[in-house]
Amino acid sequence: METEVDFYELLEVERTADDKTIKSAYRKLAMKYHPDRNPGDADSEARFKAISVAYDCLKDPQKRATYDRYGHAAYAQAQQGGGGGGGGFSDIGDIFETIFGSAFGGGAGGRPRRGADLRYDMEISLEEAFHGKETEIEIEVSQTCEPCSGSGAEPGTDRTRCPTCQGHGKVRAQQGFFMVERPCPTCHGRGEIIEKPCAACRGEGRVDQPQRLEVTIPPGVETGTRIRLSGKGEAGPMGAPPGDLYIFIHVRRHDVYEREGTTLLTRVPITFTKAALGGTVGLPGLDGEWVTINIPAGIQSGEQLRKRGDGMPVLQGRGRGDLVIEVKVETPRKLSTKQKELLREFQQSETDAQCPESQGFFERIKAGFSKL
């Protein structure tokens, strides 16, 4: 099982985005996650590499068209095959057949193409994304016909070689100075014919049936993560190999935490006395443990505190990201008489050194008016 993130999700753009939008999104994310701006941050470095790969594909019209139609598998295979000597394609015909399939409904020698890939969208909670989960899904999918074992021929009979093309699936015809190949009109490019089609699948070799599948969601997935179940897609016609099933993950919005990669972010309201004197606050962690945050004395509203290793797990890696807490200092709306007296007493004893920023602000205003 492989876990992959959709290129469009990585660049945070729609699949219909134009070249200008994709380029702009890439530049914005590249600046945000560039290693020079995040020294020592392995998560940012991995993110930078991933968006660079995504942009390299989507900026090229031909690569993008291949990716849109066939996904990661075709793009990766094309990259391996186009590297100049190490790819495993014998000629340009092999490349077209591997990436685009045969235009005649079958490969060399009349081999039928593999079944179609399928997509399944799964929504999970942030807690499930944190822990991972084992679950079952049910889909309606074309599967190999059992009575004929995918051959398409009635049990007890078999397919026979096409007498017109002699099993090649193609016929040649002379047109002027050129020899043109066309799909065989008798077998429609399959190279074989079925004299007595299977009654269960009507000669297709596959039938639509509900299927229950076990799915493992690894810890650390995020919206856009793609999980591939090899061979669980649509069955290929005439006994050809099946396609793959791709599960796209969507993580629901959480009431307490927001997420940026492996970093969890939250805002914590505190009283102005706790902001002045310091103290602690507690939060329920996604791991079920209570997270205690130490509030330093004199903290200002909007300041952030970071707890290393209390964020999301690293997908298919080790360790966890960070938890970032933004402090929001709240001013009480109602005060008792005693509280007001204490605050007035504090106000009278207050010195400029205790609030240097506000004192400097008013001094700048006075200096500005004196120049008028």
Protein backbone atom coordinates (compact mmCIF):
# COMPACT_ATOMS: atom_id res chain seq x y z
CA MET A 1 0.00 0.00 0.00
CA GLU A 2 1.38 3.42 -0.95
CA THR A 3 0.38 6.79 0.48
CA GLU A 4 0.53 9.72 -1.93
CA VAL A 5 -0.63 13.31 -1.79
CA ASP A 6 -2.42 14.77 -4.81
CA PHE A 7 -0.28 17.38 -6.64
CA TYR A 8 -3.15 19.88 -6.76
CA GLU A 9 -3.74 19.48 -3.02
CA LEU A 10 -0.03 20.01 -2.38
CA LEU A 11 -0.07 23.32 -4.27
CA GLU A 12 -3.45 24.26 -2.74
CA VAL A 13 -5.10 24.93 -6.11
CA GLU A 14 -8.15 23.61 -7.93
CA ARG A 15 -7.73 21.02 -10.69
CA THR A 16 -9.06 23.65 -13.14
CA ALA A 17 -6.41 26.24 -12.15
CA ASP A 18 -4.57 27.94 -15.02
CA ASP A 19 -0.78 28.11 -15.40
CA LYS A 20 -0.54 31.55 -13.82
CA THR A 21 -2.44 30.46 -10.69
CA ILE A 22 -0.31 27.31 -10.32
CA LYS A 23 2.91 29.31 -10.69
CA SER A 24 1.78 31.88 -8.14
CA ALA A 25 0.74 29.19 -5.64
CA TYR A 26 4.07 27.42 -6.03
CA ARG A 27 6.08 30.60 -5.42
CA LYS A 28 4.09 31.40 -2.30
CA LEU A 29 4.55 27.90 -0.83
CA ALA A 30 8.19 27.66 -1.91
CA MET A 31 8.99 30.86 0.00
CA LYS A 32 7.12 29.56 3.04
CA TYR A 33 8.82 26.14 3.21
CA HIS A 34 12.24 26.90 1.71
CA PRO A 35 15.00 25.25 3.81
CA ASP A 36 16.89 28.57 4.07
CA ARG A 37 13.89 30.09 5.85
CA ASN A 38 13.36 27.01 8.04
CA PRO A 39 16.85 25.81 9.04
CA GLY A 40 16.84 22.42 10.70
CA ASP A 41 13.12 21.83 10.06
CA ALA A 42 12.90 18.42 8.38
CA ASP A 43 9.15 18.73 7.88
CA SER A 44 9.51 22.01 5.94
CA GLU A 45 12.31 20.53 3.85
CA ALA A 46 10.17 17.51 2.94
CA ARG A 47 7.23 19.78 2.13
CA PHE A 48 9.46 21.96 -0.09
CA LYS A 49 10.65 18.92 -2.04
CA ALA A 50 7.08 17.65 -2.47
CA ILE A 51 5.70 20.93 -3.83
CA SER A 52 8.70 21.22 -6.16
CA VAL A 53 7.91 17.80 -7.64
CA ALA A 54 4.25 18.75 -7.95
CA TYR A 55 5.07 22.01 -9.74
CA ASP A 56 7.54 20.30 -12.06
CA CYS A 57 4.67 18.11 -13.25
CA LEU A 58 1.83 20.64 -13.41
CA LYS A 59 3.80 23.42 -15.11
CA ASP A 60 4.36 21.18 -18.16
CA PRO A 61 1.15 20.80 -20.25
CA GLN A 62 2.05 17.30 -21.47
CA LYS A 63 3.02 16.00 -18.02
CA ARG A 64 -0.06 17.61 -16.50
CA ALA A 65 -2.38 16.01 -19.05
CA THR A 66 -0.85 12.59 -18.35
CA TYR A 67 -1.12 13.11 -14.59
CA ASP A 68 -4.74 14.31 -14.81
CA ARG A 69 -5.72 11.18 -16.68
CA TYR A 70 -3.60 8.49 -15.06
CA GLY A 71 -2.38 9.88 -11.73
CA HIS A 72 0.92 9.28 -9.90
CA ALA A 73 1.59 5.85 -11.36
CA ALA A 74 1.79 7.02 -14.97
CA TYR A 75 3.72 10.18 -14.09
CA ALA A 76 6.32 8.26 -12.05
CA GLN A 77 6.69 5.65 -14.79
CA ALA A 78 7.14 8.35 -17.42
CA GLN A 79 9.81 10.03 -15.29
CA GLN A 80 11.71 6.77 -14.90
CA GLY A 81 11.39 5.94 -18.56
CA GLY A 82 12.40 9.34 -19.92
CA GLY A 83 15.69 9.70 -18.07
CA GLY A 84 17.97 8.75 -20.93
CA GLY A 85 19.12 5.17 -20.71
CA GLY A 86 17.78 3.88 -17.42
CA GLY A 87 14.06 3.79 -17.94
CA GLY A 88 13.29 0.40 -19.42
CA PHE A 89 11.43 1.54 -22.58
CA SER A 90 12.75 -0.07 -25.72
CA ASP A 91 11.41 2.58 -28.13
CA ILE A 92 8.94 5.45 -28.43
CA GLY A 93 6.14 2.96 -29.10
CA ASP A 94 6.69 1.40 -25.68
CA ILE A 95 6.38 4.79 -24.01
CA PHE A 96 3.07 5.60 -25.70
CA GLU A 97 1.68 2.16 -25.00
CA THR A 98 2.72 2.24 -21.33
CA ILE A 99 1.40 5.74 -20.63
CA PHE A 100 -1.62 5.97 -22.93
CA GLY A 101 -2.49 2.35 -23.64
CA SER A 102 -3.28 0.99 -27.09
CA ALA A 103 -5.53 3.06 -29.33
CA PHE A 104 -7.12 -0.16 -30.51
CA GLY A 105 -8.32 -1.41 -27.12
CA GLY A 106 -5.42 -3.80 -26.59
CA GLY A 107 -1.64 -3.93 -26.38
CA ALA A 108 0.87 -5.75 -28.49
CA GLY A 109 -0.31 -9.15 -29.58
CA GLY A 110 -3.94 -8.29 -28.83
CA ARG A 111 -3.55 -8.04 -25.04
CA PRO A 112 -6.53 -6.16 -23.56
CA ARG A 113 -5.70 -3.12 -21.44
CA ARG A 114 -5.88 -3.20 -17.63
CA GLY A 115 -9.00 -2.20 -15.75
CA ALA A 116 -9.76 1.40 -14.82
CA ASP A 117 -8.51 3.00 -11.61
CA LEU A 118 -11.22 4.01 -9.12
CA ARG A 119 -11.50 6.83 -6.58
CA TYR A 120 -13.06 6.69 -3.10
CA ASP A 121 -13.36 9.79 -0.87
CA MET A 122 -13.11 9.15 2.87
CA GLU A 123 -13.77 11.71 5.62
CA ILE A 124 -12.10 11.21 9.01
CA SER A 125 -11.71 13.22 12.22
CA LEU A 126 -8.48 14.90 13.32
CA GLU A 127 -8.24 12.35 16.14
CA GLU A 128 -8.41 9.52 13.59
CA ALA A 129 -5.75 11.25 11.50
CA PHE A 130 -3.60 11.43 14.65
CA HIS A 131 -3.95 7.79 15.72
CA GLY A 132 -4.59 6.14 12.34
CA LYS A 133 -7.36 3.57 12.00
CA GLU A 134 -8.39 0.25 10.54
CA THR A 135 -11.72 0.44 8.74
CA GLU A 136 -13.85 -1.24 6.07
CA ILE A 137 -15.41 0.29 2.99
CA GLU A 138 -17.94 -1.10 0.54
CA ILE A 139 -17.83 -0.22 -3.15
CA GLU A 140 -19.60 -1.35 -6.29
CA VAL A 141 -16.89 -2.47 -8.69
CA SER A 142 -16.42 -4.64 -11.76
CA GLN A 143 -14.89 -7.95 -10.75
CA THR A 144 -13.69 -10.96 -12.70
CA CYS A 145 -16.61 -13.15 -13.75
CA GLU A 146 -16.42 -16.39 -11.77
CA PRO A 147 -18.27 -18.74 -14.18
CA CYS A 148 -15.89 -18.02 -17.05
CA SER A 149 -12.86 -16.97 -14.93
CA GLY A 150 -12.67 -13.73 -16.88
CA SER A 151 -12.31 -15.31 -20.32
CA GLY A 152 -15.71 -14.06 -21.52
CA ALA A 153 -16.43 -17.48 -23.06
CA GLU A 154 -19.17 -19.83 -21.88
CA PRO A 155 -17.74 -22.45 -19.45
CA GLY A 156 -16.57 -25.47 -21.39
CA THR A 157 -15.70 -23.35 -24.44
CA ASP A 158 -12.73 -21.14 -25.18
CA ARG A 159 -11.73 -18.11 -27.18
CA THR A 160 -10.18 -18.77 -30.55
CA ARG A 161 -7.59 -16.89 -32.55
CA CYS A 162 -9.10 -14.37 -34.95
CA PRO A 163 -8.85 -15.74 -38.51
CA THR A 164 -8.71 -12.23 -40.01
CA CYS A 165 -5.68 -10.84 -38.15
CA GLN A 166 -4.22 -14.16 -37.01
CA GLY A 167 -4.23 -13.01 -33.39
CA HIS A 168 -2.38 -9.71 -33.95
CA GLY A 169 -5.43 -7.51 -33.35
CA LYS A 170 -4.44 -5.30 -36.27
CA VAL A 171 -4.61 -5.43 -40.02
CA ARG A 172 -2.54 -3.54 -42.58
CA ALA A 173 -3.75 -1.81 -45.68
CA GLN A 174 -1.91 -0.02 -48.47
CA GLN A 175 -2.77 3.67 -48.93
CA GLY A 176 -0.70 5.14 -51.73
CA PHE A 177 2.94 4.99 -50.70
CA PHE A 178 2.10 4.21 -47.04
CA MET A 179 1.21 1.04 -45.17
CA VAL A 180 -1.46 1.83 -42.54
CA GLU A 181 -2.36 -0.29 -39.51
CA ARG A 182 -5.95 -0.41 -38.29
CA PRO A 183 -7.78 -2.38 -35.59
CA CYS A 184 -9.05 -5.67 -36.88
CA PRO A 185 -12.75 -5.29 -37.87
CA THR A 186 -13.54 -8.88 -36.86
CA CYS A 187 -12.12 -9.01 -33.30
CA HIS A 188 -12.01 -5.22 -32.71
CA GLY A 189 -8.32 -5.33 -31.85
CA ARG A 190 -8.49 -8.20 -29.35
CA GLY A 191 -6.81 -10.83 -31.47
CA GLU A 192 -9.37 -13.40 -30.37
CA ILE A 193 -13.04 -14.05 -30.92
CA ILE A 194 -15.67 -15.64 -28.71
CA GLU A 195 -18.01 -17.95 -30.56
CA LYS A 196 -20.20 -18.55 -27.48
CA PRO A 197 -20.14 -15.66 -24.95
CA CYS A 198 -20.57 -16.36 -21.23
CA ALA A 199 -24.20 -15.86 -20.19
CA ALA A 200 -23.23 -14.35 -16.82
CA CYS A 201 -21.04 -11.51 -18.15
CA ARG A 202 -22.16 -11.46 -21.82
CA GLY A 203 -18.63 -11.96 -23.03
CA GLU A 204 -17.11 -9.10 -21.03
CA GLY A 205 -15.25 -11.31 -18.57
CA ARG A 206 -16.35 -9.10 -15.65
CA VAL A 207 -19.49 -8.25 -13.69
CA ASP A 208 -20.44 -5.44 -11.28
CA GLN A 209 -20.56 -6.62 -7.66
CA PRO A 210 -20.37 -5.01 -4.18
CA GLN A 211 -17.02 -5.54 -2.50
CA ARG A 212 -15.92 -4.97 1.10
CA LEU A 213 -12.31 -3.92 1.59
CA GLU A 214 -10.17 -3.43 4.68
CA VAL A 215 -8.30 -0.12 4.68
CA THR A 216 -5.42 0.94 6.91
CA ILE A 217 -5.20 4.69 7.53
CA PRO A 218 -1.67 5.44 8.81
CA PRO A 219 -1.12 8.07 11.56
CA GLY A 220 -0.30 11.53 10.26
CA VAL A 221 -2.48 11.63 7.13
CA GLU A 222 -3.93 14.99 6.10
CA THR A 223 -6.48 16.29 3.62
CA GLY A 224 -5.25 15.36 0.14
CA THR A 225 -3.34 12.26 1.23
CA ARG A 226 -3.96 9.47 -1.28
CA ILE A 227 -3.82 5.80 -0.34
CA ARG A 228 -3.43 3.29 -3.17
CA LEU A 229 -4.86 -0.22 -2.94
CA SER A 230 -3.12 -2.08 -5.73
CA GLY A 231 -5.33 -4.33 -7.84
CA LYS A 232 -8.56 -3.29 -6.08
CA GLY A 233 -9.88 -1.18 -8.93
CA GLU A 234 -12.03 -2.22 -11.85
CA ALA A 235 -11.34 -5.66 -13.33
CA GLY A 236 -9.81 -5.59 -16.78
CA PRO A 237 -11.84 -6.82 -19.76
CA MET A 238 -11.29 -10.34 -21.03
CA GLY A 239 -9.19 -11.37 -18.02
CA ALA A 240 -6.81 -8.38 -18.17
CA PRO A 241 -5.23 -7.18 -14.88
CA PRO A 242 -7.38 -4.98 -12.62
CA GLY A 243 -6.79 -1.29 -11.99
CA ASP A 244 -6.06 0.29 -8.61
CA LEU A 245 -8.32 1.89 -6.01
CA TYR A 246 -7.27 5.32 -4.74
CA ILE A 247 -8.65 6.53 -1.42
CA PHE A 248 -8.54 10.32 -0.98
CA ILE A 249 -8.50 11.51 2.63
CA HIS A 250 -10.47 14.51 3.87
CA VAL A 251 -9.92 15.56 7.51
CA ARG A 252 -12.84 17.29 9.22
CA ARG A 253 -12.40 20.67 10.89
CA HIS A 254 -11.63 20.38 14.62
CA ASP A 255 -13.24 22.43 17.39
CA VAL A 256 -9.97 23.17 19.21
CA TYR A 257 -7.03 22.64 16.89
CA GLU A 258 -6.02 23.85 13.44
CA ARG A 259 -3.33 22.10 11.47
CA GLU A 260 -0.41 23.10 9.25
CA GLY A 261 1.48 19.99 8.20
CA THR A 262 2.61 18.32 11.44
CA THR A 263 2.07 21.50 13.50
CA LEU A 264 -1.06 21.91 15.62
CA LEU A 265 -2.25 25.42 16.39
CA THR A 266 -4.77 26.65 18.93
CA ARG A 267 -5.77 29.87 20.71
CA VAL A 268 -6.07 29.92 24.50
CA PRO A 269 -7.88 32.69 26.40
CA ILE A 270 -6.34 33.69 29.75
CA THR A 271 -7.21 36.30 32.36
CA PHE A 272 -5.18 39.51 32.53
CA THR A 273 -4.05 38.60 36.05
CA LYS A 274 -2.62 35.30 34.81
CA ALA A 275 -0.97 37.18 31.96
CA ALA A 276 0.65 39.53 34.47
CA LEU A 277 1.57 37.00 37.16
CA GLY A 278 2.03 33.84 35.07
CA GLY A 279 0.55 30.41 35.69
CA THR A 280 -0.56 27.31 33.81
CA VAL A 281 -3.44 26.26 31.55
CA GLY A 282 -4.48 22.78 30.41
CA LEU A 283 -5.65 21.45 27.06
CA PRO A 284 -6.97 18.02 26.02
CA GLY A 285 -4.40 16.48 23.68
CA LEU A 286 -5.32 14.40 20.63
CA ASP A 287 -3.41 11.49 22.20
CA GLY A 288 -5.84 11.48 25.15
CA GLU A 289 -3.31 13.02 27.54
CA TRP A 290 -3.76 16.39 29.24
CA VAL A 291 -1.33 19.02 27.91
CA THR A 292 -0.11 21.57 30.47
CA ILE A 293 1.14 24.93 29.19
CA ASN A 294 3.25 27.20 31.38
CA ILE A 295 2.32 30.86 30.99
CA PRO A 296 5.29 33.16 31.71
CA ALA A 297 4.62 36.31 33.72
CA GLY A 298 4.11 39.42 31.60
CA ILE A 299 3.00 37.62 28.43
CA GLN A 300 1.18 39.81 25.91
CA SER A 301 -1.98 39.04 23.95
CA GLY A 302 -1.10 37.48 20.58
CA GLU A 303 2.22 35.99 21.70
CA GLN A 304 2.80 32.33 20.87
CA LEU A 305 4.16 29.48 22.94
CA ARG A 306 5.58 26.32 21.38
CA LYS A 307 5.64 22.80 22.81
CA ARG A 308 8.04 20.58 20.92
CA GLY A 309 6.83 17.09 20.03
CA ASP A 310 3.15 17.61 20.95
CA GLY A 311 1.86 18.04 17.39
CA MET A 312 0.80 15.56 14.69
CA PRO A 313 2.75 12.37 13.90
CA VAL A 314 5.06 12.46 10.89
CA LEU A 315 3.42 10.45 8.11
CA GLN A 316 5.38 7.25 7.51
CA GLY A 317 8.17 8.62 9.67
CA ARG A 318 9.24 9.07 13.26
CA GLY A 319 8.42 11.68 15.83
CA ARG A 320 5.78 14.38 16.02
CA GLY A 321 5.49 18.02 15.10
CA ASP A 322 4.95 20.90 17.51
CA LEU A 323 1.99 22.38 19.34
CA VAL A 324 1.74 26.17 18.99
CA ILE A 325 -0.47 28.08 21.43
CA GLU A 326 -1.48 31.67 20.76
CA VAL A 327 -2.40 33.53 23.93
CA LYS A 328 -5.43 35.80 24.02
CA VAL A 329 -5.60 38.02 27.11
CA GLU A 330 -9.20 38.72 28.09
CA THR A 331 -10.36 41.81 29.95
CA PRO A 332 -13.24 41.22 32.42
CA ARG A 333 -16.48 42.97 31.52
CA LYS A 334 -17.89 43.04 35.06
CA LEU A 335 -15.97 43.81 38.24
CA SER A 336 -17.01 43.83 41.87
CA THR A 337 -16.50 46.93 44.01
CA LYS A 338 -13.57 45.26 45.76
CA GLN A 339 -11.92 44.36 42.45
CA LYS A 340 -12.30 47.92 41.18
CA GLU A 341 -10.68 49.29 44.34
CA LEU A 342 -7.75 46.92 43.99
CA LEU A 343 -7.27 47.86 40.32
CA ARG A 344 -7.37 51.59 41.14
CA GLU A 345 -4.77 50.98 43.84
CA PHE A 346 -2.63 49.14 41.32
CA GLN A 347 -3.15 51.93 38.76
CA GLN A 348 -1.87 54.54 41.22
CA SER A 349 1.24 52.50 41.95
CA GLU A 350 1.89 51.73 38.27
CA THR A 351 5.17 53.03 36.82
CA ASP A 352 6.25 53.75 33.26
CA ALA A 353 8.91 51.04 33.51
CA GLN A 354 6.19 48.41 33.89
CA CYS A 355 4.63 49.30 30.51
CA PRO A 356 7.52 50.68 28.39
CA GLU A 357 5.79 50.12 25.08
CA SER A 358 2.71 52.19 25.91
CA GLN A 359 4.85 54.95 27.44
CA GLY A 360 7.00 55.10 24.32
CA PHE A 361 3.89 55.26 22.15
CA PHE A 362 2.49 58.32 23.95
CA GLU A 363 5.88 60.01 23.96
CA ARG A 364 6.05 59.68 20.18
CA ILE A 365 2.56 61.22 19.86
CA LYS A 366 3.59 64.20 22.04
CA ALA A 367 6.77 64.70 20.02
CA GLY A 368 4.77 64.65 16.79
CA PHE A 369 2.35 67.34 17.98
CA SER A 370 5.19 69.56 19.22
CA LYS A 371 6.54 69.83 15.66
CA LEU A 372 3.26 71.22 14.28
